[in-house]
Each structure stands twice: as structure tokens, then as C-alpha cells.
Amino acid sequence: GGSLRLSCAASGSILNLYTMNWYL
């Protein structure tokens, strides 16, 4: 029932260029 915030630091301009995914 709790909450958590995960972060992923990406090099360069990756977030502007590609689809990003979270996997479990």
C-alpha cells in the first residue's frame, strides 16, 4: 500500500531521442 519513486539518470540527450522503459 505504500509508495516509492524510482529514478534513472541518463547520459547525454537520451530522454529527448528515444523511448524509455522501466522493466521489472
PDB file of all heavy atoms in Angstrom:
ATOM      1  N   GLY A   1       0.784  -1.216   0.000  1.00  0.00           N
ATOM      2  CA  GLY A   1       0.000   0.000   0.000  1.00  0.00           C
ATOM      3  C   GLY A   1       0.822   1.274   0.000  1.00  0.00           C
ATOM      4  O   GLY A   1       0.260   2.362  -0.188  1.00  0.00           O
ATOM      5  N   GLY A   2       2.115   1.153   0.192  1.00  0.00           N
ATOM      6  CA  GLY A   2       2.988   2.306   0.233  1.00  0.00           C
ATOM      7  C   GLY A   2       3.371   2.807  -1.141  1.00  0.00           C
ATOM      8  O   GLY A   2       2.928   2.289  -2.166  1.00  0.00           O
ATOM      9  N   SER A   3       4.226   3.823  -1.147  1.00  0.00           N
ATOM     10  CA  SER A   3       4.672   4.459  -2.383  1.00  0.00           C
ATOM     11  C   SER A   3       6.185   4.528  -2.429  1.00  0.00           C
ATOM     12  O   SER A   3       6.859   4.536  -1.395  1.00  0.00           O
ATOM     13  CB  SER A   3       4.095   5.875  -2.505  1.00  0.00           C
ATOM     14  OG  SER A   3       2.685   5.869  -2.531  1.00  0.00           O
ATOM     15  N   LEU A   4       6.712   4.590  -3.639  1.00  0.00           N
ATOM     16  CA  LEU A   4       8.141   4.685  -3.853  1.00  0.00           C
ATOM     17  C   LEU A   4       8.378   5.363  -5.193  1.00  0.00           C
ATOM     18  O   LEU A   4       7.602   5.162  -6.137  1.00  0.00           O
ATOM     19  CB  LEU A   4       8.775   3.300  -3.832  1.00  0.00           C
ATOM     20  CG  LEU A   4      10.229   3.149  -3.385  1.00  0.00           C
ATOM     21  CD1 LEU A   4      10.417   3.672  -1.963  1.00  0.00           C
ATOM     22  CD2 LEU A   4      10.649   1.699  -3.477  1.00  0.00           C
ATOM     23  N   ARG A   5       9.444   6.147  -5.285  1.00  0.00           N
ATOM     24  CA  ARG A   5       9.793   6.839  -6.517  1.00  0.00           C
ATOM     25  C   ARG A   5      11.177   6.396  -6.966  1.00  0.00           C
ATOM     26  O   ARG A   5      12.170   6.634  -6.273  1.00  0.00           O
ATOM     27  CB  ARG A   5       9.763   8.353  -6.317  1.00  0.00           C
ATOM     28  CG  ARG A   5       9.949   9.161  -7.602  1.00  0.00           C
ATOM     29  CD  ARG A   5       9.917  10.652  -7.292  1.00  0.00           C
ATOM     30  NE  ARG A   5       9.999  11.498  -8.473  1.00  0.00           N
ATOM     31  CZ  ARG A   5       8.945  11.925  -9.163  1.00  0.00           C
ATOM     32  NH1 ARG A   5       7.715  11.602  -8.783  1.00  0.00           N
ATOM     33  NH2 ARG A   5       9.123  12.705 -10.228  1.00  0.00           N
ATOM     34  N   LEU A   6      11.238   5.768  -8.128  1.00  0.00           N
ATOM     35  CA  LEU A   6      12.495   5.336  -8.702  1.00  0.00           C
ATOM     36  C   LEU A   6      13.005   6.373  -9.689  1.00  0.00           C
ATOM     37  O   LEU A   6      12.219   7.035 -10.364  1.00  0.00           O
ATOM     38  CB  LEU A   6      12.339   3.995  -9.419  1.00  0.00           C
ATOM     39  CG  LEU A   6      11.743   2.840  -8.611  1.00  0.00           C
ATOM     40  CD1 LEU A   6      11.730   1.577  -9.458  1.00  0.00           C
ATOM     41  CD2 LEU A   6      12.510   2.630  -7.316  1.00  0.00           C
ATOM     42  N   SER A   7      14.321   6.490  -9.772  1.00  0.00           N
ATOM     43  CA  SER A   7      14.951   7.423 -10.689  1.00  0.00           C
ATOM     44  C   SER A   7      15.944   6.689 -11.568  1.00  0.00           C
ATOM     45  O   SER A   7      16.548   5.703 -11.155  1.00  0.00           O
ATOM     46  CB  SER A   7      15.687   8.533  -9.929  1.00  0.00           C
ATOM     47  OG  SER A   7      14.809   9.273  -9.111  1.00  0.00           O
ATOM     48  N   CYS A   8      16.111   7.170 -12.777  1.00  0.00           N
ATOM     49  CA  CYS A   8      17.114   6.665 -13.700  1.00  0.00           C
ATOM     50  C   CYS A   8      17.804   7.852 -14.330  1.00  0.00           C
ATOM     51  O   CYS A   8      17.191   8.589 -15.115  1.00  0.00           O
ATOM     52  CB  CYS A   8      16.475   5.775 -14.762  1.00  0.00           C
ATOM     53  SG  CYS A   8      17.608   5.242 -16.066  1.00  0.00           S
ATOM     54  N   ALA A   9      19.059   8.055 -13.981  1.00  0.00           N
ATOM     55  CA  ALA A   9      19.855   9.125 -14.565  1.00  0.00           C
ATOM     56  C   ALA A   9      20.416   8.662 -15.900  1.00  0.00           C
ATOM     57  O   ALA A   9      21.057   7.613 -15.975  1.00  0.00           O
ATOM     58  CB  ALA A   9      20.978   9.529 -13.619  1.00  0.00           C
ATOM     59  N   ALA A  10      20.172   9.431 -16.938  1.00  0.00           N
ATOM     60  CA  ALA A  10      20.581   9.079 -18.290  1.00  0.00           C
ATOM     61  C   ALA A  10      21.621  10.053 -18.804  1.00  0.00           C
ATOM     62  O   ALA A  10      21.511  11.265 -18.603  1.00  0.00           O
ATOM     63  CB  ALA A  10      19.374   9.055 -19.224  1.00  0.00           C
ATOM     64  N   SER A  11      22.628   9.530 -19.475  1.00  0.00           N
ATOM     65  CA  SER A  11      23.677  10.365 -20.043  1.00  0.00           C
ATOM     66  C   SER A  11      23.203  11.069 -21.301  1.00  0.00           C
ATOM     67  O   SER A  11      22.336  10.570 -22.031  1.00  0.00           O
ATOM     68  CB  SER A  11      24.904   9.518 -20.378  1.00  0.00           C
ATOM     69  OG  SER A  11      25.428   8.892 -19.223  1.00  0.00           O
ATOM     70  N   GLY A  12      23.772  12.232 -21.564  1.00  0.00           N
ATOM     71  CA  GLY A  12      23.520  12.951 -22.798  1.00  0.00           C
ATOM     72  C   GLY A  12      22.074  13.349 -22.986  1.00  0.00           C
ATOM     73  O   GLY A  12      21.383  13.731 -22.039  1.00  0.00           O
ATOM     74  N   SER A  13      21.601  13.229 -24.224  1.00  0.00           N
ATOM     75  CA  SER A  13      20.246  13.631 -24.597  1.00  0.00           C
ATOM     76  C   SER A  13      19.340  12.432 -24.845  1.00  0.00           C
ATOM     77  O   SER A  13      18.415  12.512 -25.651  1.00  0.00           O
ATOM     78  CB  SER A  13      20.299  14.504 -25.843  1.00  0.00           C
ATOM     79  OG  SER A  13      21.082  15.653 -25.638  1.00  0.00           O
ATOM     80  N   ILE A  14      19.576  11.343 -24.154  1.00  0.00           N
ATOM     81  CA  ILE A  14      18.838  10.109 -24.377  1.00  0.00           C
ATOM     82  C   ILE A  14      17.333  10.318 -24.259  1.00  0.00           C
ATOM     83  O   ILE A  14      16.550   9.832 -25.080  1.00  0.00           O
ATOM     84  CB  ILE A  14      19.311   9.013 -23.407  1.00  0.00           C
ATOM     85  CG1 ILE A  14      20.781   8.678 -23.665  1.00  0.00           C
ATOM     86  CG2 ILE A  14      18.433   7.772 -23.533  1.00  0.00           C
ATOM     87  CD1 ILE A  14      21.052   8.190 -25.065  1.00  0.00           C
ATOM     88  N   LEU A  15      16.900  11.044 -23.232  1.00  0.00           N
ATOM     89  CA  LEU A  15      15.473  11.224 -22.996  1.00  0.00           C
ATOM     90  C   LEU A  15      14.789  12.007 -24.105  1.00  0.00           C
ATOM     91  O   LEU A  15      13.573  11.895 -24.264  1.00  0.00           O
ATOM     92  CB  LEU A  15      15.238  11.914 -21.653  1.00  0.00           C
ATOM     93  CG  LEU A  15      15.787  11.204 -20.419  1.00  0.00           C
ATOM     94  CD1 LEU A  15      15.352  11.942 -19.158  1.00  0.00           C
ATOM     95  CD2 LEU A  15      15.324   9.759 -20.365  1.00  0.00           C
ATOM     96  N   ASN A  16      15.541  12.792 -24.846  1.00  0.00           N
ATOM     97  CA  ASN A  16      14.994  13.567 -25.952  1.00  0.00           C
ATOM     98  C   ASN A  16      14.941  12.782 -27.252  1.00  0.00           C
ATOM     99  O   ASN A  16      14.286  13.225 -28.200  1.00  0.00           O
ATOM    100  CB  ASN A  16      15.822  14.828 -26.182  1.00  0.00           C
ATOM    101  CG  ASN A  16      15.770  15.791 -25.015  1.00  0.00           C
ATOM    102  OD1 ASN A  16      14.797  16.521 -24.850  1.00  0.00           O
ATOM    103  ND2 ASN A  16      16.823  15.791 -24.210  1.00  0.00           N
ATOM    104  N   LEU A  17      15.630  11.639 -27.316  1.00  0.00           N
ATOM    105  CA  LEU A  17      15.791  10.920 -28.570  1.00  0.00           C
ATOM    106  C   LEU A  17      15.046   9.597 -28.622  1.00  0.00           C
ATOM    107  O   LEU A  17      14.627   9.183 -29.709  1.00  0.00           O
ATOM    108  CB  LEU A  17      17.276  10.659 -28.826  1.00  0.00           C
ATOM    109  CG  LEU A  17      18.171  11.892 -28.988  1.00  0.00           C
ATOM    110  CD1 LEU A  17      19.628  11.462 -29.073  1.00  0.00           C
ATOM    111  CD2 LEU A  17      17.768  12.676 -30.223  1.00  0.00           C
ATOM    112  N   TYR A  18      14.888   8.929 -27.501  1.00  0.00           N
ATOM    113  CA  TYR A  18      14.416   7.549 -27.519  1.00  0.00           C
ATOM    114  C   TYR A  18      13.245   7.327 -26.583  1.00  0.00           C
ATOM    115  O   TYR A  18      13.052   8.039 -25.594  1.00  0.00           O
ATOM    116  CB  TYR A  18      15.545   6.598 -27.118  1.00  0.00           C
ATOM    117  CG  TYR A  18      16.761   6.693 -27.997  1.00  0.00           C
ATOM    118  CD1 TYR A  18      17.929   7.280 -27.525  1.00  0.00           C
ATOM    119  CD2 TYR A  18      16.745   6.193 -29.288  1.00  0.00           C
ATOM    120  CE1 TYR A  18      19.053   7.369 -28.328  1.00  0.00           C
ATOM    121  CE2 TYR A  18      17.862   6.279 -30.094  1.00  0.00           C
ATOM    122  CZ  TYR A  18      19.015   6.870 -29.609  1.00  0.00           C
ATOM    123  OH  TYR A  18      20.120   6.948 -30.417  1.00  0.00           O
ATOM    124  N   THR A  19      12.475   6.301 -26.905  1.00  0.00           N
ATOM    125  CA  THR A  19      11.501   5.779 -25.962  1.00  0.00           C
ATOM    126  C   THR A  19      12.237   5.140 -24.788  1.00  0.00           C
ATOM    127  O   THR A  19      13.195   4.391 -24.986  1.00  0.00           O
ATOM    128  CB  THR A  19      10.594   4.744 -26.652  1.00  0.00           C
ATOM    129  OG1 THR A  19       9.775   5.411 -27.609  1.00  0.00           O
ATOM    130  CG2 THR A  19       9.720   4.029 -25.643  1.00  0.00           C
ATOM    131  N   MET A  20      11.795   5.456 -23.578  1.00  0.00           N
ATOM    132  CA  MET A  20      12.400   4.926 -22.370  1.00  0.00           C
ATOM    133  C   MET A  20      11.446   3.942 -21.711  1.00  0.00           C
ATOM    134  O   MET A  20      10.224   4.123 -21.759  1.00  0.00           O
ATOM    135  CB  MET A  20      12.738   6.046 -21.386  1.00  0.00           C
ATOM    136  CG  MET A  20      13.642   7.125 -21.940  1.00  0.00           C
ATOM    137  SD  MET A  20      15.286   6.519 -22.399  1.00  0.00           S
ATOM    138  CE  MET A  20      15.899   5.938 -20.816  1.00  0.00           C
ATOM    139  N   ASN A  21      12.016   2.934 -21.092  1.00  0.00           N
ATOM    140  CA  ASN A  21      11.223   1.870 -20.496  1.00  0.00           C
ATOM    141  C   ASN A  21      11.691   1.566 -19.080  1.00  0.00           C
ATOM    142  O   ASN A  21      12.873   1.707 -18.755  1.00  0.00           O
ATOM    143  CB  ASN A  21      11.329   0.580 -21.321  1.00  0.00           C
ATOM    144  CG  ASN A  21      11.091   0.810 -22.794  1.00  0.00           C
ATOM    145  OD1 ASN A  21       9.973   1.123 -23.211  1.00  0.00           O
ATOM    146  ND2 ASN A  21      12.139   0.652 -23.597  1.00  0.00           N
ATOM    147  N   TRP A  22      10.744   1.144 -18.255  1.00  0.00           N
ATOM    148  CA  TRP A  22      11.036   0.531 -16.971  1.00  0.00           C
ATOM    149  C   TRP A  22      10.652  -0.940 -17.052  1.00  0.00           C
ATOM    150  O   TRP A  22       9.544  -1.269 -17.476  1.00  0.00           O
ATOM    151  CB  TRP A  22      10.266   1.194 -15.837  1.00  0.00           C
ATOM    152  CG  TRP A  22      10.846   2.480 -15.353  1.00  0.00           C
ATOM    153  CD1 TRP A  22      10.403   3.735 -15.627  1.00  0.00           C
ATOM    154  CD2 TRP A  22      11.970   2.633 -14.470  1.00  0.00           C
ATOM    155  NE1 TRP A  22      11.173   4.670 -14.992  1.00  0.00           N
ATOM    156  CE2 TRP A  22      12.146   4.021 -14.269  1.00  0.00           C
ATOM    157  CE3 TRP A  22      12.837   1.740 -13.838  1.00  0.00           C
ATOM    158  CZ2 TRP A  22      13.161   4.531 -13.455  1.00  0.00           C
ATOM    159  CZ3 TRP A  22      13.847   2.249 -13.034  1.00  0.00           C
ATOM    160  CH2 TRP A  22      13.997   3.628 -12.857  1.00  0.00           C
ATOM    161  N   TYR A  23      11.576  -1.800 -16.644  1.00  0.00           N
ATOM    162  CA  TYR A  23      11.349  -3.229 -16.570  1.00  0.00           C
ATOM    163  C   TYR A  23      11.440  -3.689 -15.131  1.00  0.00           C
ATOM    164  O   TYR A  23      12.190  -3.128 -14.332  1.00  0.00           O
ATOM    165  CB  TYR A  23      12.387  -3.998 -17.391  1.00  0.00           C
ATOM    166  CG  TYR A  23      12.138  -4.022 -18.878  1.00  0.00           C
ATOM    167  CD1 TYR A  23      12.475  -2.946 -19.679  1.00  0.00           C
ATOM    168  CD2 TYR A  23      11.584  -5.146 -19.490  1.00  0.00           C
ATOM    169  CE1 TYR A  23      12.264  -2.978 -21.049  1.00  0.00           C
ATOM    170  CE2 TYR A  23      11.376  -5.185 -20.856  1.00  0.00           C
ATOM    171  CZ  TYR A  23      11.718  -4.100 -21.626  1.00  0.00           C
ATOM    172  OH  TYR A  23      11.512  -4.134 -22.984  1.00  0.00           O
ATOM    173  N   LEU A  24      10.691  -4.725 -14.827  1.00  0.00           N
ATOM    174  CA  LEU A  24      10.760  -5.388 -13.534  1.00  0.00           C
ATOM    175  C   LEU A  24      11.215  -6.821 -13.735  1.00  0.00           C
ATOM    176  O   LEU A  24      10.696  -7.519 -14.609  1.00  0.00           O
ATOM    177  CB  LEU A  24       9.393  -5.385 -12.839  1.00  0.00           C
ATOM    178  CG  LEU A  24       9.243  -6.312 -11.617  1.00  0.00           C
ATOM    179  CD1 LEU A  24      10.172  -5.876 -10.495  1.00  0.00           C
ATOM    180  CD2 LEU A  24       7.799  -6.364 -11.150  1.00  0.00           C
TER     181      LEU A  24
END
